[in-house]
Amino acid sequence: MGFSGLEAIVSEPVLLLGLLAFALLLVALPWSFWALSNGRSSSGVRSLIALSNLLLTAQLVLRWWQSGHFPISNLYESLCFLAWACTLTQLLVERNWSSPLVAAAATPMGLGCIAFASFALPDQLQQASPLVPALRSSWLVMHVSVIMVSYAALMVGSLLSVAVLVTDRGEDLELRSSSIGTGAYRRPKLLSMQSKGVVAVQNPPEVQLSSIHFSRTEQLDSLSYRTITVGFLLLTVGIISGAVWANEAWGSWWSWDPKETWALICWLVYAAYLHTRLSRGWQGRRPALVAAFGLVVIVVCYIGVNLLGIGLHSYGWFFE
């Protein structure tokens, strides 16, 4: 990058804020793995993630002020918004359970989004552009922001599931929780007393909900489940609001556009994930594999379809 390129970046505060957020996340990533190797969470990593989130917030607000519309109209703005949502989700998850595993698993997603936006996209896609007529609607903020936040929650939850695959050593998980993933407790084990022909409960009912220590894998599995549940609910709201908006803009509730089709596939994959947990009682590696597959589907739905430059939802790229 020459002097003219640096001068152009300095003259564009939106791009500069994005690069600063990238630099902070780039420092936070190896720091998080170093903290993981020591087995202790680092307040420094959380501070870097929080500061990068504030920079991304300032970037989005500034772009909104410059363009006069919600900053999610092209691929650059969309990636920056996704990076903002990923870092925010990571901070909320770490507030629930402060572990170096969370930062090590989730930081690469935010870093990848802002890196792709800052270095892979051509200059014309990094500039603010006027909205096309179909996007000049109050549904823009409602639909697109909810979808993007749902993607962030689903991706962070899926990355936590990938961490479950890495940390799981074949141990039996005995956590049980409500349908929204809260109130976890251990299922009491039953001991068969064959000699007397009776069945006794090892843990008395009045003790089974007492405070106990959960293993690292159990914590990750529970957090992944709860995060994906929130993301799935947001994705459902986003798809419904998108159908309403499509009917207003194009006169059709559903047109089997590539983005719509892949969003439906994504919804079905995570619906299957929740079904296996709620109805089949799966825990640990098996639902984590489903969530990992869902992460691939989200990447195809969000990035792959956009890069092809086809369909009504494409943000466009140089493949067009």
C-alpha atoms as a PDB file:
ATOM      1  CA  MET A   1       0.000   0.000   0.000  1.00  0.00           C
ATOM      2  CA  GLY A   2       1.538   3.286  -1.136  1.00  0.00           C
ATOM      3  CA  PHE A   3       1.374   6.762   0.317  1.00  0.00           C
ATOM      4  CA  SER A   4      -1.670   7.611  -1.801  1.00  0.00           C
ATOM      5  CA  GLY A   5      -3.511   4.590  -0.400  1.00  0.00           C
ATOM      6  CA  LEU A   6      -2.714   5.603   3.178  1.00  0.00           C
ATOM      7  CA  GLU A   7      -3.814   9.147   2.461  1.00  0.00           C
ATOM      8  CA  ALA A   8      -7.108   7.860   1.062  1.00  0.00           C
ATOM      9  CA  ILE A   9      -7.726   5.776   4.189  1.00  0.00           C
ATOM     10  CA  VAL A  10      -6.973   8.670   6.530  1.00  0.00           C
ATOM     11  CA  SER A  11      -9.340  10.882   4.554  1.00  0.00           C
ATOM     12  CA  GLU A  12     -12.089   8.262   4.972  1.00  0.00           C
ATOM     13  CA  PRO A  13     -12.877   8.023   8.707  1.00  0.00           C
ATOM     14  CA  VAL A  14     -15.310   5.129   8.136  1.00  0.00           C
ATOM     15  CA  LEU A  15     -12.565   2.985   6.605  1.00  0.00           C
ATOM     16  CA  LEU A  16     -10.104   4.110   9.266  1.00  0.00           C
ATOM     17  CA  LEU A  17     -12.421   3.063  12.093  1.00  0.00           C
ATOM     18  CA  GLY A  18     -12.835  -0.332  10.446  1.00  0.00           C
ATOM     19  CA  LEU A  19      -9.063  -0.784  10.206  1.00  0.00           C
ATOM     20  CA  LEU A  20      -8.627   0.198  13.853  1.00  0.00           C
ATOM     21  CA  ALA A  21     -11.244  -2.373  14.888  1.00  0.00           C
ATOM     22  CA  PHE A  22      -9.431  -4.953  12.744  1.00  0.00           C
ATOM     23  CA  ALA A  23      -6.128  -4.138  14.471  1.00  0.00           C
ATOM     24  CA  LEU A  24      -7.644  -4.573  17.932  1.00  0.00           C
ATOM     25  CA  LEU A  25      -9.227  -7.908  17.020  1.00  0.00           C
ATOM     26  CA  LEU A  26      -5.967  -9.017  15.433  1.00  0.00           C
ATOM     27  CA  VAL A  27      -4.204  -8.401  18.757  1.00  0.00           C
ATOM     28  CA  ALA A  28      -7.049 -10.011  20.742  1.00  0.00           C
ATOM     29  CA  LEU A  29      -6.951 -13.282  18.772  1.00  0.00           C
ATOM     30  CA  PRO A  30      -3.467 -14.559  19.751  1.00  0.00           C
ATOM     31  CA  TRP A  31      -3.936 -13.068  23.236  1.00  0.00           C
ATOM     32  CA  SER A  32      -7.094 -15.169  23.660  1.00  0.00           C
ATOM     33  CA  PHE A  33      -5.238 -18.361  22.684  1.00  0.00           C
ATOM     34  CA  TRP A  34      -2.415 -17.453  25.054  1.00  0.00           C
ATOM     35  CA  ALA A  35      -4.962 -17.003  27.842  1.00  0.00           C
ATOM     36  CA  LEU A  36      -6.518 -20.354  26.895  1.00  0.00           C
ATOM     37  CA  SER A  37      -3.141 -22.079  27.168  1.00  0.00           C
ATOM     38  CA  ASN A  38      -2.791 -20.632  30.667  1.00  0.00           C
ATOM     39  CA  GLY A  39      -6.299 -21.711  31.585  1.00  0.00           C
ATOM     40  CA  ARG A  40      -7.327 -18.255  32.769  1.00  0.00           C
ATOM     41  CA  SER A  41      -9.656 -15.687  31.241  1.00  0.00           C
ATOM     42  CA  SER A  42      -8.103 -12.343  30.388  1.00  0.00           C
ATOM     43  CA  SER A  43      -9.720  -9.007  31.125  1.00  0.00           C
ATOM     44  CA  GLY A  44      -7.380  -7.523  28.514  1.00  0.00           C
ATOM     45  CA  VAL A  45      -8.960  -9.599  25.761  1.00  0.00           C
ATOM     46  CA  ARG A  46     -12.446  -8.557  26.837  1.00  0.00           C
ATOM     47  CA  SER A  47     -11.328  -4.922  26.878  1.00  0.00           C
ATOM     48  CA  LEU A  48      -9.993  -5.207  23.325  1.00  0.00           C
ATOM     49  CA  ILE A  49     -13.223  -6.833  22.136  1.00  0.00           C
ATOM     50  CA  ALA A  50     -15.302  -4.134  23.850  1.00  0.00           C
ATOM     51  CA  LEU A  51     -13.166  -1.360  22.373  1.00  0.00           C
ATOM     52  CA  SER A  52     -13.403  -2.860  18.893  1.00  0.00           C
ATOM     53  CA  ASN A  53     -17.177  -3.056  19.303  1.00  0.00           C
ATOM     54  CA  LEU A  54     -17.252   0.638  20.228  1.00  0.00           C
ATOM     55  CA  LEU A  55     -15.156   1.479  17.145  1.00  0.00           C
ATOM     56  CA  LEU A  56     -17.522  -0.521  14.942  1.00  0.00           C
ATOM     57  CA  THR A  57     -20.469   1.260  16.555  1.00  0.00           C
ATOM     58  CA  ALA A  58     -18.886   4.627  15.783  1.00  0.00           C
ATOM     59  CA  GLN A  59     -18.157   3.449  12.228  1.00  0.00           C
ATOM     60  CA  LEU A  60     -21.765   2.422  11.589  1.00  0.00           C
ATOM     61  CA  VAL A  61     -23.176   5.605  13.112  1.00  0.00           C
ATOM     62  CA  LEU A  62     -20.804   7.735  11.001  1.00  0.00           C
ATOM     63  CA  ARG A  63     -21.689   5.844   7.814  1.00  0.00           C
ATOM     64  CA  TRP A  64     -25.393   6.275   8.678  1.00  0.00           C
ATOM     65  CA  TRP A  65     -24.849  10.017   9.059  1.00  0.00           C
ATOM     66  CA  GLN A  66     -22.888  10.247   5.799  1.00  0.00           C
ATOM     67  CA  SER A  67     -25.251   8.187   3.652  1.00  0.00           C
ATOM     68  CA  GLY A  68     -28.547   9.257   5.219  1.00  0.00           C
ATOM     69  CA  HIS A  69     -29.825   5.675   5.511  1.00  0.00           C
ATOM     70  CA  PHE A  70     -29.304   2.626   7.713  1.00  0.00           C
ATOM     71  CA  PRO A  71     -25.747   1.394   6.982  1.00  0.00           C
ATOM     72  CA  ILE A  72     -26.479  -2.052   5.649  1.00  0.00           C
ATOM     73  CA  SER A  73     -27.096  -1.416   1.948  1.00  0.00           C
ATOM     74  CA  ASN A  74     -23.978  -3.071   0.477  1.00  0.00           C
ATOM     75  CA  LEU A  75     -21.614  -5.906   1.288  1.00  0.00           C
ATOM     76  CA  TYR A  76     -19.054  -3.723   3.090  1.00  0.00           C
ATOM     77  CA  GLU A  77     -21.614  -2.194   5.429  1.00  0.00           C
ATOM     78  CA  SER A  78     -23.228  -5.586   5.939  1.00  0.00           C
ATOM     79  CA  LEU A  79     -19.920  -7.213   6.923  1.00  0.00           C
ATOM     80  CA  CYS A  80     -19.121  -4.378   9.324  1.00  0.00           C
ATOM     81  CA  PHE A  81     -22.559  -4.725  10.907  1.00  0.00           C
ATOM     82  CA  LEU A  82     -22.047  -8.489  11.204  1.00  0.00           C
ATOM     83  CA  ALA A  83     -18.652  -7.942  12.859  1.00  0.00           C
ATOM     84  CA  TRP A  84     -20.329  -5.526  15.293  1.00  0.00           C
ATOM     85  CA  ALA A  85     -23.052  -8.068  16.094  1.00  0.00           C
ATOM     86  CA  CYS A  86     -20.506 -10.893  16.540  1.00  0.00           C
ATOM     87  CA  THR A  87     -18.374  -8.904  18.985  1.00  0.00           C
ATOM     88  CA  LEU A  88     -21.477  -7.827  20.905  1.00  0.00           C
ATOM     89  CA  THR A  89     -22.719 -11.427  21.105  1.00  0.00           C
ATOM     90  CA  GLN A  90     -19.294 -12.536  22.281  1.00  0.00           C
ATOM     91  CA  LEU A  91     -19.298  -9.944  25.062  1.00  0.00           C
ATOM     92  CA  LEU A  92     -22.768 -11.023  26.202  1.00  0.00           C
ATOM     93  CA  VAL A  93     -21.762 -14.699  26.222  1.00  0.00           C
ATOM     94  CA  GLU A  94     -18.561 -13.924  28.151  1.00  0.00           C
ATOM     95  CA  ARG A  95     -20.595 -11.969  30.671  1.00  0.00           C
ATOM     96  CA  ASN A  96     -22.580 -15.157  31.294  1.00  0.00           C
ATOM     97  CA  TRP A  97     -19.472 -17.358  31.547  1.00  0.00           C
ATOM     98  CA  SER A  98     -16.040 -15.779  31.664  1.00  0.00           C
ATOM     99  CA  SER A  99     -13.826 -18.369  30.027  1.00  0.00           C
ATOM    100  CA  PRO A 100     -10.846 -18.081  27.656  1.00  0.00           C
ATOM    101  CA  LEU A 101     -12.533 -20.713  25.492  1.00  0.00           C
ATOM    102  CA  VAL A 102     -15.307 -18.283  24.537  1.00  0.00           C
ATOM    103  CA  ALA A 103     -12.885 -15.626  23.324  1.00  0.00           C
ATOM    104  CA  ALA A 104     -10.702 -18.148  21.489  1.00  0.00           C
ATOM    105  CA  ALA A 105     -13.729 -19.627  19.711  1.00  0.00           C
ATOM    106  CA  ALA A 106     -15.658 -16.444  18.874  1.00  0.00           C
ATOM    107  CA  THR A 107     -12.992 -13.831  18.124  1.00  0.00           C
ATOM    108  CA  PRO A 108     -12.011 -15.314  14.715  1.00  0.00           C
ATOM    109  CA  MET A 109     -15.521 -14.677  13.373  1.00  0.00           C
ATOM    110  CA  GLY A 110     -15.536 -10.948  14.086  1.00  0.00           C
ATOM    111  CA  LEU A 111     -11.958 -10.654  12.858  1.00  0.00           C
ATOM    112  CA  GLY A 112     -12.755 -12.511   9.644  1.00  0.00           C
ATOM    113  CA  CYS A 113     -15.758 -10.307   8.871  1.00  0.00           C
ATOM    114  CA  ILE A 114     -13.936  -7.003   9.281  1.00  0.00           C
ATOM    115  CA  ALA A 115     -10.831  -8.329   7.501  1.00  0.00           C
ATOM    116  CA  PHE A 116     -12.874  -9.442   4.498  1.00  0.00           C
ATOM    117  CA  ALA A 117     -14.668  -6.098   4.394  1.00  0.00           C
ATOM    118  CA  SER A 118     -11.469  -4.057   4.686  1.00  0.00           C
ATOM    119  CA  PHE A 119      -9.091  -5.972   2.425  1.00  0.00           C
ATOM    120  CA  ALA A 120     -11.002  -8.267   0.058  1.00  0.00           C
ATOM    121  CA  LEU A 121     -13.704  -5.987  -1.306  1.00  0.00           C
ATOM    122  CA  PRO A 122     -12.992  -3.560  -4.155  1.00  0.00           C
ATOM    123  CA  ASP A 123     -12.965   0.162  -3.427  1.00  0.00           C
ATOM    124  CA  GLN A 124     -16.318   0.842  -5.101  1.00  0.00           C
ATOM    125  CA  LEU A 125     -18.107  -1.509  -2.709  1.00  0.00           C
ATOM    126  CA  GLN A 126     -16.562   0.192   0.317  1.00  0.00           C
ATOM    127  CA  GLN A 127     -18.146   3.512  -0.587  1.00  0.00           C
ATOM    128  CA  ALA A 128     -21.617   4.636   0.460  1.00  0.00           C
ATOM    129  CA  SER A 129     -24.194   4.390  -2.301  1.00  0.00           C
ATOM    130  CA  PRO A 130     -27.839   5.485  -2.588  1.00  0.00           C
ATOM    131  CA  LEU A 131     -30.508   2.920  -1.813  1.00  0.00           C
ATOM    132  CA  VAL A 132     -32.301   1.184  -4.655  1.00  0.00           C
ATOM    133  CA  PRO A 133     -36.073   1.875  -4.652  1.00  0.00           C
ATOM    134  CA  ALA A 134     -36.960  -1.535  -3.185  1.00  0.00           C
ATOM    135  CA  LEU A 135     -34.802  -0.835  -0.108  1.00  0.00           C
ATOM    136  CA  ARG A 136     -36.330   2.568   0.642  1.00  0.00           C
ATOM    137  CA  SER A 137     -38.647   1.181   3.266  1.00  0.00           C
ATOM    138  CA  SER A 138     -38.981   1.179   7.033  1.00  0.00           C
ATOM    139  CA  TRP A 139     -38.648  -2.605   6.798  1.00  0.00           C
ATOM    140  CA  LEU A 140     -34.925  -2.209   6.037  1.00  0.00           C
ATOM    141  CA  VAL A 141     -33.971  -1.664   9.659  1.00  0.00           C
ATOM    142  CA  MET A 142     -36.408  -4.267  10.975  1.00  0.00           C
ATOM    143  CA  HIS A 143     -35.695  -7.102   8.564  1.00  0.00           C
ATOM    144  CA  VAL A 144     -32.008  -6.795   7.721  1.00  0.00           C
ATOM    145  CA  SER A 145     -30.779  -5.893  11.211  1.00  0.00           C
ATOM    146  CA  VAL A 146     -32.696  -8.787  12.801  1.00  0.00           C
ATOM    147  CA  ILE A 147     -31.375 -11.223  10.188  1.00  0.00           C
ATOM    148  CA  MET A 148     -27.791 -10.040  10.688  1.00  0.00           C
ATOM    149  CA  VAL A 149     -28.009 -10.264  14.487  1.00  0.00           C
ATOM    150  CA  SER A 150     -29.490 -13.760  14.127  1.00  0.00           C
ATOM    151  CA  TYR A 151     -26.559 -14.755  11.904  1.00  0.00           C
ATOM    152  CA  ALA A 152     -24.141 -13.457  14.535  1.00  0.00           C
ATOM    153  CA  ALA A 153     -25.829 -15.386  17.359  1.00  0.00           C
ATOM    154  CA  LEU A 154     -26.029 -18.572  15.287  1.00  0.00           C
ATOM    155  CA  MET A 155     -22.392 -18.322  14.196  1.00  0.00           C
ATOM    156  CA  VAL A 156     -21.078 -17.640  17.694  1.00  0.00           C
ATOM    157  CA  GLY A 157     -23.235 -20.488  19.056  1.00  0.00           C
ATOM    158  CA  SER A 158     -21.985 -22.801  16.317  1.00  0.00           C
ATOM    159  CA  LEU A 159     -18.371 -21.871  17.036  1.00  0.00           C
ATOM    160  CA  LEU A 160     -18.987 -22.761  20.675  1.00  0.00           C
ATOM    161  CA  SER A 161     -20.302 -26.109  19.434  1.00  0.00           C
ATOM    162  CA  VAL A 162     -17.100 -26.575  17.447  1.00  0.00           C
ATOM    163  CA  ALA A 163     -15.255 -25.916  20.711  1.00  0.00           C
ATOM    164  CA  VAL A 164     -17.367 -28.688  22.262  1.00  0.00           C
ATOM    165  CA  LEU A 165     -16.104 -31.046  19.538  1.00  0.00           C
ATOM    166  CA  VAL A 166     -12.524 -30.069  20.378  1.00  0.00           C
ATOM    167  CA  THR A 167     -12.827 -30.290  24.162  1.00  0.00           C
ATOM    168  CA  ASP A 168     -15.205 -33.271  24.410  1.00  0.00           C
ATOM    169  CA  ARG A 169     -13.342 -36.395  25.423  1.00  0.00           C
ATOM    170  CA  GLY A 170     -16.258 -38.777  25.277  1.00  0.00           C
ATOM    171  CA  GLU A 171     -17.631 -37.807  28.670  1.00  0.00           C
ATOM    172  CA  ASP A 172     -21.342 -38.296  29.327  1.00  0.00           C
ATOM    173  CA  LEU A 173     -23.218 -35.024  29.674  1.00  0.00           C
ATOM    174  CA  GLU A 174     -26.097 -35.187  32.118  1.00  0.00           C
ATOM    175  CA  LEU A 175     -27.340 -31.590  31.950  1.00  0.00           C
ATOM    176  CA  ARG A 176     -31.059 -30.961  31.630  1.00  0.00           C
ATOM    177  CA  SER A 177     -32.654 -27.563  31.080  1.00  0.00           C
ATOM    178  CA  SER A 178     -35.811 -25.777  30.029  1.00  0.00           C
ATOM    179  CA  SER A 179     -36.899 -25.363  26.409  1.00  0.00           C
ATOM    180  CA  ILE A 180     -34.997 -22.073  26.170  1.00  0.00           C
ATOM    181  CA  GLY A 181     -31.816 -23.501  27.637  1.00  0.00           C
ATOM    182  CA  THR A 182     -31.997 -22.000  31.117  1.00  0.00           C
ATOM    183  CA  GLY A 183     -32.047 -23.535  34.567  1.00  0.00           C
ATOM    184  CA  ALA A 184     -29.579 -26.338  33.915  1.00  0.00           C
ATOM    185  CA  TYR A 185     -29.280 -29.142  36.440  1.00  0.00           C
ATOM    186  CA  ARG A 186     -27.952 -32.693  36.561  1.00  0.00           C
ATOM    187  CA  ARG A 187     -30.256 -35.629  36.064  1.00  0.00           C
ATOM    188  CA  PRO A 188     -30.197 -37.892  39.154  1.00  0.00           C
ATOM    189  CA  LYS A 189     -28.659 -41.274  38.533  1.00  0.00           C
ATOM    190  CA  LEU A 190     -30.542 -44.450  39.407  1.00  0.00           C
ATOM    191  CA  LEU A 191     -28.877 -47.397  41.072  1.00  0.00           C
ATOM    192  CA  SER A 192     -30.490 -50.781  40.617  1.00  0.00           C
ATOM    193  CA  MET A 193     -30.491 -52.835  43.755  1.00  0.00           C
ATOM    194  CA  GLN A 194     -30.996 -56.254  42.231  1.00  0.00           C
ATOM    195  CA  SER A 195     -30.507 -58.098  45.482  1.00  0.00           C
ATOM    196  CA  LYS A 196     -33.521 -56.411  47.087  1.00  0.00           C
ATOM    197  CA  GLY A 197     -35.524 -55.959  43.901  1.00  0.00           C
ATOM    198  CA  VAL A 198     -35.956 -52.213  44.392  1.00  0.00           C
ATOM    199  CA  VAL A 199     -34.659 -49.079  42.677  1.00  0.00           C
ATOM    200  CA  ALA A 200     -33.121 -46.331  44.826  1.00  0.00           C
ATOM    201  CA  VAL A 201     -32.320 -42.779  43.850  1.00  0.00           C
ATOM    202  CA  GLN A 202     -28.677 -41.991  44.503  1.00  0.00           C
ATOM    203  CA  ASN A 203     -29.358 -38.242  44.888  1.00  0.00           C
ATOM    204  CA  PRO A 204     -32.465 -37.406  46.943  1.00  0.00           C
ATOM    205  CA  PRO A 205     -35.022 -35.188  45.175  1.00  0.00           C
ATOM    206  CA  GLU A 206     -34.451 -32.355  47.638  1.00  0.00           C
ATOM    207  CA  VAL A 207     -30.720 -32.268  46.749  1.00  0.00           C
ATOM    208  CA  GLN A 208     -30.736 -32.724  42.935  1.00  0.00           C
ATOM    209  CA  LEU A 209     -31.121 -28.977  42.206  1.00  0.00           C
ATOM    210  CA  SER A 210     -28.389 -27.875  44.581  1.00  0.00           C
ATOM    211  CA  SER A 211     -25.410 -25.881  43.340  1.00  0.00           C
ATOM    212  CA  ILE A 212     -22.886 -28.142  41.613  1.00  0.00           C
ATOM    213  CA  HIS A 213     -19.840 -27.714  39.429  1.00  0.00           C
ATOM    214  CA  PHE A 214     -20.299 -28.101  35.705  1.00  0.00           C
ATOM    215  CA  SER A 215     -17.432 -29.273  33.568  1.00  0.00           C
ATOM    216  CA  ARG A 216     -16.001 -27.049  30.848  1.00  0.00           C
ATOM    217  CA  THR A 217     -17.654 -29.102  28.105  1.00  0.00           C
ATOM    218  CA  GLU A 218     -21.022 -28.917  29.853  1.00  0.00           C
ATOM    219  CA  GLN A 219     -20.724 -25.135  30.154  1.00  0.00           C
ATOM    220  CA  LEU A 220     -19.849 -24.810  26.462  1.00  0.00           C
ATOM    221  CA  ASP A 221     -22.656 -27.130  25.431  1.00  0.00           C
ATOM    222  CA  SER A 222     -25.208 -25.196  27.474  1.00  0.00           C
ATOM    223  CA  LEU A 223     -23.997 -21.795  26.242  1.00  0.00           C
ATOM    224  CA  SER A 224     -24.000 -22.979  22.645  1.00  0.00           C
ATOM    225  CA  TYR A 225     -27.555 -24.263  23.000  1.00  0.00           C
ATOM    226  CA  ARG A 226     -28.832 -21.033  24.539  1.00  0.00           C
ATOM    227  CA  THR A 227     -27.059 -18.803  22.008  1.00  0.00           C
ATOM    228  CA  ILE A 228     -28.333 -20.826  19.052  1.00  0.00           C
ATOM    229  CA  THR A 229     -31.854 -20.752  20.498  1.00  0.00           C
ATOM    230  CA  VAL A 230     -31.799 -16.937  20.571  1.00  0.00           C
ATOM    231  CA  GLY A 231     -30.377 -16.828  17.053  1.00  0.00           C
ATOM    232  CA  PHE A 232     -33.022 -19.238  15.770  1.00  0.00           C
ATOM    233  CA  LEU A 233     -35.846 -17.143  17.208  1.00  0.00           C
ATOM    234  CA  LEU A 234     -34.382 -13.997  15.637  1.00  0.00           C
ATOM    235  CA  LEU A 235     -33.943 -15.788  12.310  1.00  0.00           C
ATOM    236  CA  THR A 236     -37.605 -16.806  12.410  1.00  0.00           C
ATOM    237  CA  VAL A 237     -38.673 -13.204  13.031  1.00  0.00           C
ATOM    238  CA  GLY A 238     -36.344 -12.031  10.264  1.00  0.00           C
ATOM    239  CA  ILE A 239     -37.717 -14.479   7.698  1.00  0.00           C
ATOM    240  CA  ILE A 240     -41.315 -13.562   8.527  1.00  0.00           C
ATOM    241  CA  SER A 241     -40.603  -9.820   8.326  1.00  0.00           C
ATOM    242  CA  GLY A 242     -38.776 -10.411   5.047  1.00  0.00           C
ATOM    243  CA  ALA A 243     -41.808 -12.170   3.597  1.00  0.00           C
ATOM    244  CA  VAL A 244     -44.030  -9.231   4.569  1.00  0.00           C
ATOM    245  CA  TRP A 245     -41.553  -6.774   3.043  1.00  0.00           C
ATOM    246  CA  ALA A 246     -41.234  -8.851  -0.147  1.00  0.00           C
ATOM    247  CA  ASN A 247     -45.007  -8.808  -0.566  1.00  0.00           C
ATOM    248  CA  GLU A 248     -44.991  -5.006  -0.295  1.00  0.00           C
ATOM    249  CA  ALA A 249     -41.996  -4.489  -2.597  1.00  0.00           C
ATOM    250  CA  TRP A 250     -42.421  -7.226  -5.226  1.00  0.00           C
ATOM    251  CA  GLY A 251     -45.984  -8.426  -4.771  1.00  0.00           C
ATOM    252  CA  SER A 252     -44.982 -11.932  -3.658  1.00  0.00           C
ATOM    253  CA  TRP A 253     -44.512 -13.400  -0.195  1.00  0.00           C
ATOM    254  CA  TRP A 254     -41.905 -15.934  -1.368  1.00  0.00           C
ATOM    255  CA  SER A 255     -40.105 -16.108  -4.708  1.00  0.00           C
ATOM    256  CA  TRP A 256     -37.507 -18.863  -4.093  1.00  0.00           C
ATOM    257  CA  ASP A 257     -34.723 -16.351  -4.567  1.00  0.00           C
ATOM    258  CA  PRO A 258     -31.302 -17.987  -3.837  1.00  0.00           C
ATOM    259  CA  LYS A 259     -30.964 -16.006  -0.595  1.00  0.00           C
ATOM    260  CA  GLU A 260     -34.483 -16.957   0.491  1.00  0.00           C
ATOM    261  CA  THR A 261     -33.862 -20.605  -0.329  1.00  0.00           C
ATOM    262  CA  TRP A 262     -30.618 -20.766   1.623  1.00  0.00           C
ATOM    263  CA  ALA A 263     -32.167 -18.871   4.535  1.00  0.00           C
ATOM    264  CA  LEU A 264     -34.865 -21.542   4.641  1.00  0.00           C
ATOM    265  CA  ILE A 265     -32.211 -24.284   4.551  1.00  0.00           C
ATOM    266  CA  CYS A 266     -30.424 -22.528   7.409  1.00  0.00           C
ATOM    267  CA  TRP A 267     -33.664 -22.346   9.397  1.00  0.00           C
ATOM    268  CA  LEU A 268     -34.319 -26.068   8.815  1.00  0.00           C
ATOM    269  CA  VAL A 269     -30.813 -27.064   9.917  1.00  0.00           C
ATOM    270  CA  TYR A 270     -31.065 -25.193  13.209  1.00  0.00           C
ATOM    271  CA  ALA A 271     -34.633 -26.376  13.686  1.00  0.00           C
ATOM    272  CA  ALA A 272     -33.241 -29.907  13.410  1.00  0.00           C
ATOM    273  CA  TYR A 273     -30.554 -28.976  15.970  1.00  0.00           C
ATOM    274  CA  LEU A 274     -33.162 -27.786  18.469  1.00  0.00           C
ATOM    275  CA  HIS A 275     -35.372 -30.793  17.749  1.00  0.00           C
ATOM    276  CA  THR A 276     -32.552 -33.217  18.536  1.00  0.00           C
ATOM    277  CA  ARG A 277     -31.941 -31.471  21.842  1.00  0.00           C
ATOM    278  CA  LEU A 278     -35.532 -30.967  22.930  1.00  0.00           C
ATOM    279  CA  SER A 279     -37.151 -34.160  21.646  1.00  0.00           C
ATOM    280  CA  ARG A 280     -34.282 -36.640  21.376  1.00  0.00           C
ATOM    281  CA  GLY A 281     -32.262 -35.385  24.342  1.00  0.00           C
ATOM    282  CA  TRP A 282     -29.002 -35.170  22.383  1.00  0.00           C
ATOM    283  CA  GLN A 283     -26.055 -33.453  24.062  1.00  0.00           C
ATOM    284  CA  GLY A 284     -22.368 -33.073  23.397  1.00  0.00           C
ATOM    285  CA  ARG A 285     -20.858 -34.157  20.083  1.00  0.00           C
ATOM    286  CA  ARG A 286     -23.953 -35.115  18.069  1.00  0.00           C
ATOM    287  CA  PRO A 287     -25.811 -31.779  18.230  1.00  0.00           C
ATOM    288  CA  ALA A 288     -22.447 -30.007  17.947  1.00  0.00           C
ATOM    289  CA  LEU A 289     -21.937 -31.674  14.568  1.00  0.00           C
ATOM    290  CA  VAL A 290     -25.343 -30.382  13.432  1.00  0.00           C
ATOM    291  CA  ALA A 291     -24.443 -26.876  14.593  1.00  0.00           C
ATOM    292  CA  ALA A 292     -21.087 -27.051  12.795  1.00  0.00           C
ATOM    293  CA  PHE A 293     -22.911 -27.969   9.587  1.00  0.00           C
ATOM    294  CA  GLY A 294     -25.248 -25.034  10.196  1.00  0.00           C
ATOM    295  CA  LEU A 295     -22.223 -22.724  10.324  1.00  0.00           C
ATOM    296  CA  VAL A 296     -21.260 -23.851   6.814  1.00  0.00           C
ATOM    297  CA  VAL A 297     -24.818 -23.233   5.601  1.00  0.00           C
ATOM    298  CA  ILE A 298     -24.784 -19.684   7.018  1.00  0.00           C
ATOM    299  CA  VAL A 299     -21.500 -18.908   5.252  1.00  0.00           C
ATOM    300  CA  VAL A 300     -22.955 -20.119   1.950  1.00  0.00           C
ATOM    301  CA  CYS A 301     -26.202 -18.224   2.543  1.00  0.00           C
ATOM    302  CA  TYR A 302     -24.533 -14.965   3.487  1.00  0.00           C
ATOM    303  CA  ILE A 303     -21.238 -14.803   1.575  1.00  0.00           C
ATOM    304  CA  GLY A 304     -21.589 -17.405  -1.172  1.00  0.00           C
ATOM    305  CA  VAL A 305     -24.852 -16.121  -2.638  1.00  0.00           C
ATOM    306  CA  ASN A 306     -23.621 -12.521  -2.508  1.00  0.00           C
ATOM    307  CA  LEU A 307     -20.393 -13.329  -4.314  1.00  0.00           C
ATOM    308  CA  LEU A 308     -22.279 -15.009  -7.137  1.00  0.00           C
ATOM    309  CA  GLY A 309     -24.039 -11.716  -7.801  1.00  0.00           C
ATOM    310  CA  ILE A 310     -27.397 -13.366  -8.522  1.00  0.00           C
ATOM    311  CA  GLY A 311     -30.878 -12.931  -7.102  1.00  0.00           C
ATOM    312  CA  LEU A 312     -32.818 -10.057  -5.610  1.00  0.00           C
ATOM    313  CA  HIS A 313     -30.783 -10.097  -2.383  1.00  0.00           C
ATOM    314  CA  SER A 314     -27.299  -9.886  -3.908  1.00  0.00           C
ATOM    315  CA  TYR A 315     -25.111  -7.030  -2.741  1.00  0.00           C
ATOM    316  CA  GLY A 316     -22.956  -7.492  -5.845  1.00  0.00           C
ATOM    317  CA  TRP A 317     -19.208  -8.008  -6.328  1.00  0.00           C
ATOM    318  CA  PHE A 318     -16.735  -8.075  -9.154  1.00  0.00           C
ATOM    319  CA  PHE A 319     -17.966 -11.489 -10.308  1.00  0.00           C
ATOM    320  CA  GLU A 320     -20.989  -9.774 -11.793  1.00  0.00           C
END
